[in-house]
N, C-alpha and C. Protein backbone atom coordinates (compact mmCIF):
# COMPACT_ATOMS: atom_id res chain seq x y z
N MET A 1 8.66 -17.66 11.61
CA MET A 1 8.29 -16.39 12.22
C MET A 1 9.24 -16.04 13.34
N VAL A 2 9.72 -14.81 13.36
CA VAL A 2 10.65 -14.38 14.39
C VAL A 2 9.87 -13.85 15.59
N THR A 3 10.56 -13.68 16.72
CA THR A 3 9.96 -13.11 17.91
C THR A 3 10.50 -11.71 18.13
N ILE A 4 9.61 -10.75 18.24
CA ILE A 4 9.99 -9.34 18.48
C ILE A 4 9.45 -8.94 19.84
N ASN A 5 10.33 -8.56 20.74
CA ASN A 5 9.93 -8.16 22.08
C ASN A 5 9.65 -6.66 22.12
N ASN A 6 8.51 -6.28 21.61
CA ASN A 6 8.13 -4.87 21.54
C ASN A 6 6.61 -4.80 21.64
N SER A 7 6.11 -4.14 22.63
CA SER A 7 4.65 -4.08 22.89
C SER A 7 3.91 -3.32 21.79
N ALA A 8 4.65 -2.51 21.02
CA ALA A 8 4.00 -1.72 19.96
C ALA A 8 3.72 -2.56 18.70
N VAL A 9 4.32 -3.75 18.62
CA VAL A 9 4.21 -4.56 17.41
C VAL A 9 2.83 -5.24 17.36
N VAL A 10 2.19 -5.17 16.18
CA VAL A 10 0.87 -5.80 16.00
C VAL A 10 0.94 -7.06 15.16
N ALA A 11 2.01 -7.22 14.37
CA ALA A 11 2.14 -8.41 13.52
C ALA A 11 3.60 -8.64 13.21
N VAL A 12 3.95 -9.93 13.05
CA VAL A 12 5.34 -10.30 12.77
C VAL A 12 5.38 -11.33 11.66
N GLY A 13 6.24 -11.09 10.68
CA GLY A 13 6.43 -12.03 9.59
C GLY A 13 7.79 -12.71 9.68
N GLU A 14 8.26 -13.24 8.55
CA GLU A 14 9.59 -13.87 8.50
C GLU A 14 10.68 -12.84 8.28
N LYS A 15 10.34 -11.73 7.58
CA LYS A 15 11.32 -10.71 7.23
C LYS A 15 10.99 -9.35 7.81
N THR A 16 9.78 -9.21 8.34
CA THR A 16 9.31 -7.88 8.76
C THR A 16 8.48 -7.96 10.03
N TYR A 17 8.30 -6.79 10.65
CA TYR A 17 7.29 -6.66 11.71
C TYR A 17 6.57 -5.33 11.55
N ILE A 18 5.39 -5.25 12.11
CA ILE A 18 4.50 -4.12 11.85
C ILE A 18 4.08 -3.46 13.17
N GLU A 19 4.11 -2.14 13.18
CA GLU A 19 3.66 -1.34 14.33
C GLU A 19 2.61 -0.34 13.87
N LYS A 20 1.84 0.20 14.81
CA LYS A 20 0.93 1.29 14.51
C LYS A 20 1.77 2.53 14.23
N LEU A 21 1.29 3.35 13.30
CA LEU A 21 2.00 4.59 12.94
C LEU A 21 2.04 5.55 14.12
N GLU A 22 3.24 6.09 14.38
CA GLU A 22 3.41 7.17 15.37
C GLU A 22 4.00 8.38 14.65
N ARG A 23 3.90 9.52 15.31
CA ARG A 23 4.37 10.77 14.68
C ARG A 23 5.84 10.71 14.31
N LYS A 24 6.66 10.07 15.13
CA LYS A 24 8.11 9.99 14.85
C LYS A 24 8.40 9.23 13.55
N HIS A 25 7.50 8.34 13.19
CA HIS A 25 7.72 7.55 11.96
C HIS A 25 7.62 8.41 10.71
N VAL A 26 6.80 9.46 10.78
CA VAL A 26 6.61 10.32 9.60
C VAL A 26 7.93 10.99 9.22
N ASP A 27 8.73 11.36 10.21
CA ASP A 27 10.01 12.00 9.93
C ASP A 27 10.97 11.03 9.22
N ILE A 28 10.88 9.75 9.56
CA ILE A 28 11.73 8.75 8.91
C ILE A 28 11.27 8.53 7.46
N ILE A 29 9.98 8.42 7.27
CA ILE A 29 9.44 8.23 5.93
C ILE A 29 9.83 9.36 5.00
N GLN A 30 9.95 10.56 5.56
CA GLN A 30 10.34 11.73 4.78
C GLN A 30 11.68 11.52 4.06
N ASN A 31 12.52 10.66 4.60
CA ASN A 31 13.87 10.46 4.04
C ASN A 31 14.00 9.22 3.17
N TRP A 32 12.88 8.67 2.75
CA TRP A 32 12.92 7.49 1.88
C TRP A 32 13.59 7.82 0.54
N GLY A 33 14.01 6.76 -0.16
CA GLY A 33 14.56 6.92 -1.49
C GLY A 33 13.51 7.29 -2.51
N LYS A 34 13.93 7.41 -3.77
CA LYS A 34 13.01 7.84 -4.84
C LYS A 34 12.95 6.78 -5.94
N HIS A 35 11.78 6.64 -6.54
CA HIS A 35 11.63 5.81 -7.72
C HIS A 35 12.39 6.41 -8.88
N LYS A 36 13.09 5.56 -9.64
CA LYS A 36 13.83 6.04 -10.81
C LYS A 36 13.00 5.96 -12.09
N ASP A 37 11.96 5.14 -12.10
CA ASP A 37 11.07 5.00 -13.25
C ASP A 37 10.08 6.17 -13.21
N PRO A 38 10.05 7.03 -14.25
CA PRO A 38 9.16 8.19 -14.24
C PRO A 38 7.68 7.81 -14.11
N LEU A 39 7.32 6.59 -14.45
CA LEU A 39 5.93 6.18 -14.30
C LEU A 39 5.52 6.12 -12.83
N PHE A 40 6.50 6.02 -11.94
CA PHE A 40 6.24 5.91 -10.51
C PHE A 40 6.63 7.15 -9.72
N TYR A 41 6.97 8.23 -10.43
CA TYR A 41 7.37 9.45 -9.73
C TYR A 41 6.26 9.92 -8.76
N GLY A 42 5.03 9.73 -9.16
CA GLY A 42 3.91 10.20 -8.34
C GLY A 42 3.77 9.46 -7.02
N TYR A 43 4.47 8.31 -6.90
CA TYR A 43 4.43 7.54 -5.66
C TYR A 43 5.56 7.92 -4.71
N ASN A 44 6.46 8.81 -5.16
CA ASN A 44 7.55 9.25 -4.28
C ASN A 44 7.02 10.09 -3.16
N VAL A 45 7.65 9.97 -1.99
CA VAL A 45 7.28 10.80 -0.83
C VAL A 45 7.80 12.21 -1.09
N GLN A 46 6.93 13.17 -1.06
CA GLN A 46 7.32 14.56 -1.29
C GLN A 46 7.79 15.23 0.00
N TYR A 47 8.64 16.23 -0.14
CA TYR A 47 9.11 16.96 1.04
C TYR A 47 7.95 17.64 1.72
N MET A 48 7.92 17.54 3.05
CA MET A 48 6.89 18.20 3.86
C MET A 48 7.56 18.96 5.00
N SER A 49 7.05 20.14 5.29
CA SER A 49 7.52 20.89 6.45
C SER A 49 7.04 20.19 7.71
N LYS A 50 7.52 20.61 8.88
CA LYS A 50 7.09 20.02 10.14
C LYS A 50 5.57 20.14 10.31
N THR A 51 5.04 21.30 9.97
CA THR A 51 3.59 21.52 10.08
C THR A 51 2.83 20.60 9.17
N GLU A 52 3.34 20.40 7.93
CA GLU A 52 2.69 19.50 6.98
C GLU A 52 2.77 18.06 7.44
N ARG A 53 3.90 17.69 8.08
CA ARG A 53 4.02 16.34 8.60
C ARG A 53 3.07 16.10 9.77
N ASP A 54 2.92 17.12 10.59
CA ASP A 54 1.94 17.03 11.69
C ASP A 54 0.54 16.77 11.13
N TYR A 55 0.20 17.52 10.10
CA TYR A 55 -1.14 17.38 9.50
C TYR A 55 -1.29 16.02 8.84
N TRP A 56 -0.24 15.58 8.13
CA TRP A 56 -0.27 14.26 7.47
C TRP A 56 -0.53 13.16 8.49
N TYR A 57 0.18 13.25 9.59
CA TYR A 57 0.03 12.23 10.64
C TYR A 57 -1.40 12.24 11.20
N LYS A 58 -1.94 13.42 11.51
CA LYS A 58 -3.29 13.49 12.05
C LYS A 58 -4.31 12.98 11.03
N ASN A 59 -4.09 13.28 9.76
CA ASN A 59 -5.02 12.85 8.71
C ASN A 59 -5.03 11.33 8.58
N LYS A 60 -3.91 10.69 8.90
CA LYS A 60 -3.80 9.24 8.79
C LYS A 60 -4.32 8.52 10.03
N THR A 61 -4.38 9.19 11.16
CA THR A 61 -4.64 8.48 12.41
C THR A 61 -5.90 8.94 13.17
N VAL A 62 -6.34 10.18 12.99
CA VAL A 62 -7.47 10.68 13.77
C VAL A 62 -8.83 10.19 13.27
N PRO A 63 -9.09 10.22 11.95
CA PRO A 63 -10.42 9.79 11.48
C PRO A 63 -10.75 8.35 11.89
N PHE A 64 -11.99 8.14 12.29
CA PHE A 64 -12.46 6.83 12.72
C PHE A 64 -12.42 5.83 11.57
N SER A 65 -12.44 6.33 10.34
CA SER A 65 -12.48 5.46 9.16
C SER A 65 -11.10 5.12 8.61
N LYS A 66 -10.03 5.47 9.37
CA LYS A 66 -8.68 5.19 8.90
C LYS A 66 -7.81 4.56 9.99
N LYS A 67 -6.88 3.74 9.55
CA LYS A 67 -5.80 3.24 10.43
C LYS A 67 -4.55 3.15 9.58
N CYS A 68 -3.41 3.39 10.22
CA CYS A 68 -2.15 3.33 9.47
C CYS A 68 -1.08 2.65 10.30
N PHE A 69 -0.24 1.88 9.62
CA PHE A 69 0.79 1.06 10.25
C PHE A 69 2.10 1.25 9.50
N VAL A 70 3.20 0.93 10.18
CA VAL A 70 4.52 1.01 9.56
C VAL A 70 5.17 -0.36 9.58
N VAL A 71 5.98 -0.62 8.54
CA VAL A 71 6.65 -1.91 8.37
C VAL A 71 8.14 -1.74 8.58
N PHE A 72 8.73 -2.56 9.43
CA PHE A 72 10.16 -2.58 9.68
C PHE A 72 10.75 -3.91 9.18
N ASN A 73 11.98 -3.87 8.67
CA ASN A 73 12.66 -5.13 8.41
C ASN A 73 13.36 -5.56 9.71
N LEU A 74 14.04 -6.70 9.69
CA LEU A 74 14.63 -7.22 10.91
C LEU A 74 15.89 -6.50 11.34
N SER A 75 16.32 -5.52 10.50
CA SER A 75 17.42 -4.63 10.91
C SER A 75 16.86 -3.35 11.49
N ASN A 76 15.54 -3.35 11.79
CA ASN A 76 14.84 -2.20 12.39
C ASN A 76 14.83 -0.95 11.51
N GLN A 77 14.85 -1.18 10.19
CA GLN A 77 14.72 -0.08 9.25
C GLN A 77 13.26 0.03 8.83
N LEU A 78 12.72 1.23 8.85
CA LEU A 78 11.34 1.46 8.44
C LEU A 78 11.28 1.41 6.90
N VAL A 79 10.67 0.37 6.38
CA VAL A 79 10.73 0.14 4.92
C VAL A 79 9.38 0.33 4.22
N GLY A 80 8.30 0.47 4.97
CA GLY A 80 7.00 0.63 4.30
C GLY A 80 5.91 1.07 5.26
N TYR A 81 4.77 1.42 4.70
CA TYR A 81 3.61 1.63 5.55
C TYR A 81 2.36 1.07 4.89
N ILE A 82 1.44 0.67 5.74
CA ILE A 82 0.19 0.05 5.31
C ILE A 82 -0.96 0.88 5.88
N SER A 83 -1.92 1.24 5.05
CA SER A 83 -3.03 2.03 5.54
C SER A 83 -4.34 1.32 5.24
N LEU A 84 -5.31 1.55 6.09
CA LEU A 84 -6.68 1.11 5.88
C LEU A 84 -7.52 2.35 5.72
N ARG A 85 -8.25 2.43 4.60
CA ARG A 85 -9.08 3.58 4.32
C ARG A 85 -10.56 3.14 4.21
N ASP A 86 -11.42 4.12 4.38
CA ASP A 86 -12.86 3.85 4.23
C ASP A 86 -13.27 2.62 5.06
N ILE A 87 -12.82 2.59 6.30
CA ILE A 87 -13.17 1.45 7.18
C ILE A 87 -14.66 1.54 7.53
N ARG A 88 -15.34 0.47 7.31
CA ARG A 88 -16.75 0.37 7.67
C ARG A 88 -16.87 -0.69 8.75
N TRP A 89 -16.88 -0.25 9.99
CA TRP A 89 -16.76 -1.13 11.13
C TRP A 89 -17.95 -2.06 11.27
N ILE A 90 -19.11 -1.61 10.89
CA ILE A 90 -20.30 -2.47 11.02
C ILE A 90 -20.26 -3.58 9.99
N ARG A 91 -19.89 -3.25 8.76
CA ARG A 91 -19.78 -4.25 7.70
C ARG A 91 -18.48 -5.03 7.80
N LYS A 92 -17.51 -4.47 8.53
CA LYS A 92 -16.20 -5.10 8.74
C LYS A 92 -15.42 -5.24 7.43
N VAL A 93 -15.37 -4.16 6.65
CA VAL A 93 -14.60 -4.11 5.41
C VAL A 93 -13.82 -2.81 5.36
N SER A 94 -12.79 -2.78 4.53
CA SER A 94 -12.03 -1.54 4.31
C SER A 94 -11.20 -1.68 3.04
N GLU A 95 -10.49 -0.62 2.70
CA GLU A 95 -9.65 -0.58 1.50
C GLU A 95 -8.19 -0.48 1.91
N LEU A 96 -7.33 -1.25 1.26
CA LEU A 96 -5.91 -1.30 1.58
C LEU A 96 -5.11 -0.30 0.77
N GLY A 97 -4.16 0.33 1.43
CA GLY A 97 -3.15 1.13 0.77
C GLY A 97 -1.79 0.65 1.28
N ILE A 98 -0.83 0.46 0.40
CA ILE A 98 0.48 -0.01 0.84
C ILE A 98 1.55 0.65 0.00
N VAL A 99 2.57 1.21 0.71
CA VAL A 99 3.65 1.93 0.04
C VAL A 99 4.96 1.49 0.67
N PHE A 100 5.99 1.27 -0.17
CA PHE A 100 7.29 0.87 0.35
C PHE A 100 8.39 1.81 -0.14
N ASP A 101 9.41 1.97 0.70
CA ASP A 101 10.58 2.74 0.34
C ASP A 101 11.18 2.12 -0.93
N PRO A 102 11.31 2.91 -2.00
CA PRO A 102 11.86 2.36 -3.25
C PRO A 102 13.25 1.71 -3.08
N SER A 103 13.97 2.10 -2.06
CA SER A 103 15.28 1.53 -1.81
C SER A 103 15.21 0.07 -1.38
N TYR A 104 14.01 -0.39 -0.95
CA TYR A 104 13.88 -1.75 -0.43
C TYR A 104 12.86 -2.59 -1.18
N ILE A 105 12.54 -2.15 -2.41
CA ILE A 105 11.60 -2.91 -3.23
C ILE A 105 12.32 -4.15 -3.80
N SER A 106 11.54 -5.19 -4.05
CA SER A 106 12.02 -6.45 -4.65
C SER A 106 12.90 -7.25 -3.69
N GLU A 107 12.71 -7.06 -2.37
CA GLU A 107 13.43 -7.85 -1.39
C GLU A 107 12.48 -8.78 -0.61
N GLY A 108 11.23 -8.86 -1.08
CA GLY A 108 10.28 -9.74 -0.45
C GLY A 108 9.58 -9.17 0.77
N TYR A 109 9.86 -7.91 1.08
CA TYR A 109 9.27 -7.30 2.28
C TYR A 109 7.77 -7.08 2.13
N GLY A 110 7.34 -6.71 0.93
CA GLY A 110 5.92 -6.42 0.71
C GLY A 110 5.05 -7.64 0.95
N THR A 111 5.41 -8.75 0.31
CA THR A 111 4.63 -9.98 0.47
C THR A 111 4.65 -10.48 1.90
N ASP A 112 5.83 -10.44 2.53
CA ASP A 112 5.97 -10.90 3.90
C ASP A 112 5.14 -10.05 4.86
N ALA A 113 5.22 -8.72 4.71
CA ALA A 113 4.49 -7.82 5.59
C ALA A 113 2.97 -7.96 5.39
N LEU A 114 2.55 -8.07 4.15
CA LEU A 114 1.12 -8.16 3.86
C LEU A 114 0.54 -9.47 4.41
N ASN A 115 1.28 -10.56 4.27
CA ASN A 115 0.82 -11.82 4.85
C ASN A 115 0.66 -11.71 6.36
N ALA A 116 1.63 -11.08 7.02
CA ALA A 116 1.56 -10.90 8.47
C ALA A 116 0.41 -9.99 8.85
N PHE A 117 0.20 -8.95 8.04
CA PHE A 117 -0.86 -7.99 8.34
C PHE A 117 -2.23 -8.62 8.17
N LEU A 118 -2.40 -9.48 7.19
CA LEU A 118 -3.71 -10.12 6.98
C LEU A 118 -4.11 -10.96 8.18
N GLU A 119 -3.15 -11.62 8.82
CA GLU A 119 -3.46 -12.38 10.03
C GLU A 119 -4.00 -11.45 11.13
N TYR A 120 -3.37 -10.29 11.28
CA TYR A 120 -3.82 -9.30 12.25
C TYR A 120 -5.19 -8.75 11.84
N TYR A 121 -5.37 -8.48 10.57
CA TYR A 121 -6.60 -7.89 10.06
C TYR A 121 -7.82 -8.79 10.31
N PHE A 122 -7.66 -10.06 10.00
CA PHE A 122 -8.80 -10.97 10.13
C PHE A 122 -8.94 -11.56 11.54
N ASN A 123 -7.85 -11.81 12.22
CA ASN A 123 -7.92 -12.49 13.53
C ASN A 123 -8.03 -11.54 14.71
N VAL A 124 -7.40 -10.36 14.60
CA VAL A 124 -7.43 -9.39 15.70
C VAL A 124 -8.48 -8.30 15.49
N LEU A 125 -8.46 -7.69 14.32
CA LEU A 125 -9.46 -6.67 14.03
C LEU A 125 -10.83 -7.27 13.71
N LYS A 126 -10.85 -8.58 13.44
CA LYS A 126 -12.10 -9.31 13.18
C LYS A 126 -12.85 -8.80 11.96
N MET A 127 -12.09 -8.39 10.92
CA MET A 127 -12.72 -7.90 9.69
C MET A 127 -13.12 -9.06 8.80
N LYS A 128 -13.99 -8.76 7.82
CA LYS A 128 -14.52 -9.81 6.96
C LYS A 128 -13.98 -9.77 5.51
N ALA A 129 -13.56 -8.58 5.06
CA ALA A 129 -13.03 -8.48 3.69
C ALA A 129 -12.13 -7.27 3.57
N LEU A 130 -11.16 -7.37 2.66
CA LEU A 130 -10.23 -6.27 2.42
C LEU A 130 -10.15 -6.06 0.90
N TYR A 131 -10.33 -4.82 0.48
CA TYR A 131 -10.32 -4.47 -0.94
C TYR A 131 -9.07 -3.65 -1.26
N LEU A 132 -8.68 -3.63 -2.52
CA LEU A 132 -7.60 -2.75 -2.96
C LEU A 132 -7.78 -2.44 -4.42
N LYS A 133 -7.03 -1.43 -4.86
CA LYS A 133 -7.01 -1.03 -6.28
C LYS A 133 -5.55 -0.91 -6.68
N VAL A 134 -5.19 -1.54 -7.81
CA VAL A 134 -3.81 -1.50 -8.28
C VAL A 134 -3.79 -1.16 -9.77
N ALA A 135 -2.87 -0.30 -10.17
CA ALA A 135 -2.73 0.06 -11.58
C ALA A 135 -2.40 -1.18 -12.38
N ILE A 136 -3.04 -1.34 -13.53
CA ILE A 136 -2.90 -2.57 -14.31
C ILE A 136 -1.48 -2.72 -14.86
N PHE A 137 -0.72 -1.59 -14.97
CA PHE A 137 0.66 -1.70 -15.44
C PHE A 137 1.60 -2.15 -14.33
N ASN A 138 1.14 -2.12 -13.08
CA ASN A 138 2.01 -2.42 -11.95
C ASN A 138 2.01 -3.93 -11.68
N LYS A 139 2.72 -4.66 -12.53
CA LYS A 139 2.70 -6.13 -12.46
C LYS A 139 3.35 -6.64 -11.18
N ARG A 140 4.40 -5.96 -10.70
CA ARG A 140 5.08 -6.40 -9.49
C ARG A 140 4.14 -6.41 -8.29
N ALA A 141 3.37 -5.31 -8.16
CA ALA A 141 2.41 -5.23 -7.05
C ALA A 141 1.31 -6.28 -7.19
N GLN A 142 0.86 -6.51 -8.43
CA GLN A 142 -0.16 -7.52 -8.64
C GLN A 142 0.31 -8.90 -8.21
N ARG A 143 1.56 -9.23 -8.51
CA ARG A 143 2.10 -10.54 -8.10
C ARG A 143 2.13 -10.68 -6.59
N CYS A 144 2.46 -9.59 -5.91
CA CYS A 144 2.49 -9.59 -4.46
C CYS A 144 1.11 -9.88 -3.90
N TYR A 145 0.10 -9.17 -4.41
CA TYR A 145 -1.26 -9.35 -3.91
C TYR A 145 -1.79 -10.75 -4.20
N GLN A 146 -1.46 -11.26 -5.38
CA GLN A 146 -1.94 -12.61 -5.72
C GLN A 146 -1.30 -13.66 -4.84
N LYS A 147 -0.01 -13.50 -4.51
CA LYS A 147 0.66 -14.42 -3.61
C LYS A 147 0.00 -14.44 -2.23
N CYS A 148 -0.55 -13.29 -1.85
CA CYS A 148 -1.17 -13.16 -0.53
C CYS A 148 -2.65 -13.59 -0.54
N GLY A 149 -3.16 -13.98 -1.70
CA GLY A 149 -4.52 -14.52 -1.77
C GLY A 149 -5.57 -13.60 -2.32
N PHE A 150 -5.22 -12.39 -2.74
CA PHE A 150 -6.21 -11.49 -3.34
C PHE A 150 -6.60 -11.99 -4.72
N LYS A 151 -7.87 -11.78 -5.06
CA LYS A 151 -8.40 -12.16 -6.37
C LYS A 151 -8.94 -10.91 -7.07
N PRO A 152 -8.76 -10.83 -8.41
CA PRO A 152 -9.30 -9.69 -9.15
C PRO A 152 -10.82 -9.74 -9.21
N LYS A 153 -11.43 -8.55 -9.15
CA LYS A 153 -12.90 -8.46 -9.26
C LYS A 153 -13.27 -7.87 -10.63
N LYS A 154 -12.73 -6.71 -10.93
CA LYS A 154 -13.05 -6.07 -12.21
C LYS A 154 -12.02 -5.01 -12.52
N ILE A 155 -11.99 -4.60 -13.79
CA ILE A 155 -11.13 -3.51 -14.24
C ILE A 155 -11.94 -2.22 -14.27
N VAL A 156 -11.37 -1.16 -13.71
CA VAL A 156 -12.04 0.14 -13.68
C VAL A 156 -11.13 1.18 -14.29
N ILE A 157 -11.68 2.26 -14.77
CA ILE A 157 -10.90 3.37 -15.32
C ILE A 157 -11.13 4.58 -14.43
N GLU A 158 -10.03 5.08 -13.82
CA GLU A 158 -10.13 6.21 -12.90
C GLU A 158 -8.99 7.18 -13.14
N GLU A 159 -9.11 8.36 -12.57
CA GLU A 159 -8.10 9.40 -12.73
C GLU A 159 -6.75 8.93 -12.16
N PHE A 160 -5.68 9.12 -12.93
CA PHE A 160 -4.35 8.69 -12.49
C PHE A 160 -3.82 9.63 -11.42
N GLU A 161 -3.08 9.07 -10.48
CA GLU A 161 -2.59 9.87 -9.34
C GLU A 161 -1.67 11.01 -9.75
N ASP A 162 -0.86 10.79 -10.78
CA ASP A 162 0.11 11.81 -11.22
C ASP A 162 -0.31 12.36 -12.58
N GLN A 163 -0.97 13.49 -12.54
CA GLN A 163 -1.48 14.10 -13.78
C GLN A 163 -0.37 14.75 -14.62
N SER A 164 0.84 14.83 -14.10
CA SER A 164 1.94 15.48 -14.82
C SER A 164 2.68 14.53 -15.78
N VAL A 165 2.37 13.24 -15.71
CA VAL A 165 3.08 12.26 -16.56
C VAL A 165 2.68 12.44 -18.01
N ALA A 166 3.68 12.60 -18.88
CA ALA A 166 3.41 12.85 -20.31
C ALA A 166 3.27 11.54 -21.08
N ILE A 167 2.24 10.77 -20.74
CA ILE A 167 2.08 9.43 -21.31
C ILE A 167 2.00 9.46 -22.83
N PHE A 168 1.31 10.44 -23.40
CA PHE A 168 1.08 10.47 -24.84
C PHE A 168 2.00 11.44 -25.56
N LYS A 169 3.05 11.93 -24.88
CA LYS A 169 3.99 12.83 -25.49
C LYS A 169 5.44 12.31 -25.45
N ASN A 170 5.74 11.53 -24.44
CA ASN A 170 7.09 11.00 -24.26
C ASN A 170 7.15 9.56 -24.76
N ASP A 171 8.06 9.27 -25.69
CA ASP A 171 8.16 7.93 -26.27
C ASP A 171 8.52 6.86 -25.25
N TYR A 172 9.08 7.26 -24.13
CA TYR A 172 9.39 6.28 -23.07
C TYR A 172 8.16 5.49 -22.65
N PHE A 173 7.00 6.16 -22.72
CA PHE A 173 5.77 5.57 -22.22
C PHE A 173 4.98 4.78 -23.27
N ILE A 174 5.54 4.62 -24.47
CA ILE A 174 4.81 3.91 -25.52
C ILE A 174 4.32 2.55 -25.07
N PRO A 175 5.14 1.73 -24.39
CA PRO A 175 4.63 0.41 -23.97
C PRO A 175 3.48 0.47 -22.96
N TYR A 176 3.29 1.63 -22.32
CA TYR A 176 2.28 1.73 -21.27
C TYR A 176 1.00 2.45 -21.73
N ARG A 177 1.00 2.99 -22.94
CA ARG A 177 -0.15 3.80 -23.38
C ARG A 177 -1.42 3.01 -23.44
N GLN A 178 -1.33 1.70 -23.64
CA GLN A 178 -2.55 0.88 -23.71
C GLN A 178 -3.32 0.88 -22.40
N PHE A 179 -2.66 1.29 -21.32
CA PHE A 179 -3.28 1.28 -20.01
C PHE A 179 -3.87 2.63 -19.62
N PHE A 180 -3.75 3.63 -20.49
CA PHE A 180 -4.17 5.00 -20.17
C PHE A 180 -5.15 5.54 -21.19
N ILE A 181 -5.94 6.49 -20.72
CA ILE A 181 -6.92 7.18 -21.57
C ILE A 181 -6.85 8.68 -21.25
N GLN A 182 -6.81 9.50 -22.28
CA GLN A 182 -6.86 10.94 -22.09
C GLN A 182 -8.26 11.43 -22.34
N GLU A 183 -8.88 11.98 -21.30
CA GLU A 183 -10.24 12.53 -21.43
C GLU A 183 -10.17 14.02 -21.13
N GLY A 184 -10.12 14.82 -22.19
CA GLY A 184 -9.94 16.26 -21.99
C GLY A 184 -8.60 16.52 -21.37
N LYS A 185 -8.59 17.22 -20.23
CA LYS A 185 -7.34 17.47 -19.53
C LYS A 185 -7.01 16.42 -18.48
N LYS A 186 -7.87 15.44 -18.32
CA LYS A 186 -7.68 14.40 -17.31
C LYS A 186 -7.03 13.15 -17.89
N LEU A 187 -5.98 12.71 -17.23
CA LEU A 187 -5.33 11.47 -17.59
C LEU A 187 -5.91 10.37 -16.72
N LYS A 188 -6.46 9.35 -17.35
CA LYS A 188 -7.07 8.26 -16.61
C LYS A 188 -6.31 6.96 -16.87
N CYS A 189 -6.39 6.06 -15.91
CA CYS A 189 -5.63 4.81 -15.95
C CYS A 189 -6.55 3.63 -15.70
N LYS A 190 -6.20 2.48 -16.23
CA LYS A 190 -6.93 1.26 -15.96
C LYS A 190 -6.39 0.61 -14.66
N TYR A 191 -7.30 0.35 -13.76
CA TYR A 191 -6.93 -0.28 -12.48
C TYR A 191 -7.68 -1.62 -12.34
N ILE A 192 -7.11 -2.49 -11.51
CA ILE A 192 -7.78 -3.73 -11.16
C ILE A 192 -8.26 -3.64 -9.71
N ASN A 193 -9.53 -3.84 -9.51
CA ASN A 193 -10.05 -3.95 -8.15
C ASN A 193 -9.88 -5.40 -7.70
N MET A 194 -9.29 -5.58 -6.50
CA MET A 194 -9.04 -6.91 -5.97
C MET A 194 -9.64 -7.03 -4.57
N VAL A 195 -9.83 -8.26 -4.12
CA VAL A 195 -10.44 -8.49 -2.81
C VAL A 195 -9.90 -9.78 -2.20
N ILE A 196 -9.85 -9.82 -0.88
CA ILE A 196 -9.64 -11.06 -0.15
C ILE A 196 -10.64 -11.06 1.02
N THR A 197 -11.35 -12.13 1.18
CA THR A 197 -12.30 -12.28 2.30
C THR A 197 -11.64 -13.13 3.37
N LYS A 198 -12.30 -13.16 4.52
CA LYS A 198 -11.78 -13.99 5.62
C LYS A 198 -11.71 -15.45 5.22
N ASP A 199 -12.74 -15.93 4.53
CA ASP A 199 -12.75 -17.33 4.09
C ASP A 199 -11.64 -17.59 3.07
N MET A 200 -11.41 -16.64 2.14
CA MET A 200 -10.36 -16.78 1.16
C MET A 200 -8.99 -16.82 1.85
N TYR A 201 -8.84 -16.00 2.87
CA TYR A 201 -7.57 -15.95 3.61
C TYR A 201 -7.25 -17.29 4.26
N TYR A 202 -8.26 -17.88 4.92
CA TYR A 202 -8.03 -19.16 5.59
C TYR A 202 -7.75 -20.27 4.62
N LYS A 203 -8.40 -20.23 3.45
CA LYS A 203 -8.12 -21.23 2.43
C LYS A 203 -6.72 -21.08 1.88
N ASN A 204 -6.26 -19.85 1.78
CA ASN A 204 -4.94 -19.57 1.22
C ASN A 204 -3.80 -20.04 2.13
N ILE A 205 -4.02 -19.98 3.46
CA ILE A 205 -2.94 -20.34 4.39
C ILE A 205 -3.00 -21.83 4.77
N ASN A 206 -4.07 -22.50 4.42
CA ASN A 206 -4.18 -23.93 4.78
C ASN A 206 -3.77 -24.85 3.61
């Protein structure tokens, strides 16, 4: 673990460090790279005007049920962000969202940052469980979560984030069609619900 002399930092890993989201970070995220795989186009950061960025930032930080953080590598490049949604402070549970700049995927930043964040989540925020949902076709993300100690709970079918993807019309998507269902005009996808509890976390690091 490296030492970062910055009071804004909440967690530090071997390759990354994490800060709470600030408005200036939104402008940097706006300039992230783009996914080249059309299956992931819906995860690309879309252009936002200054007003839209202001609103996005407030939506991520003002509600009591949300928290958002940014991930930097050791070259001080903002490479990802981590969000907590549907925080239930009394029950001490929430849902994880994690997004990385496509230009820095497959460099180990996701696993490193998530491991560091889990220490903050359970030891500082004093939470009891963290849930997430991952598309069943997203094997890379699943491996990351499993390395960090998350376990699958069940498979669910829900509306896919990008309704414009021509899963059943474009031959490129033939290998992925098994993971999708067309219900009327709605494209739905199979997801895996995963969870890590405080006890599971401690067992995973010991």
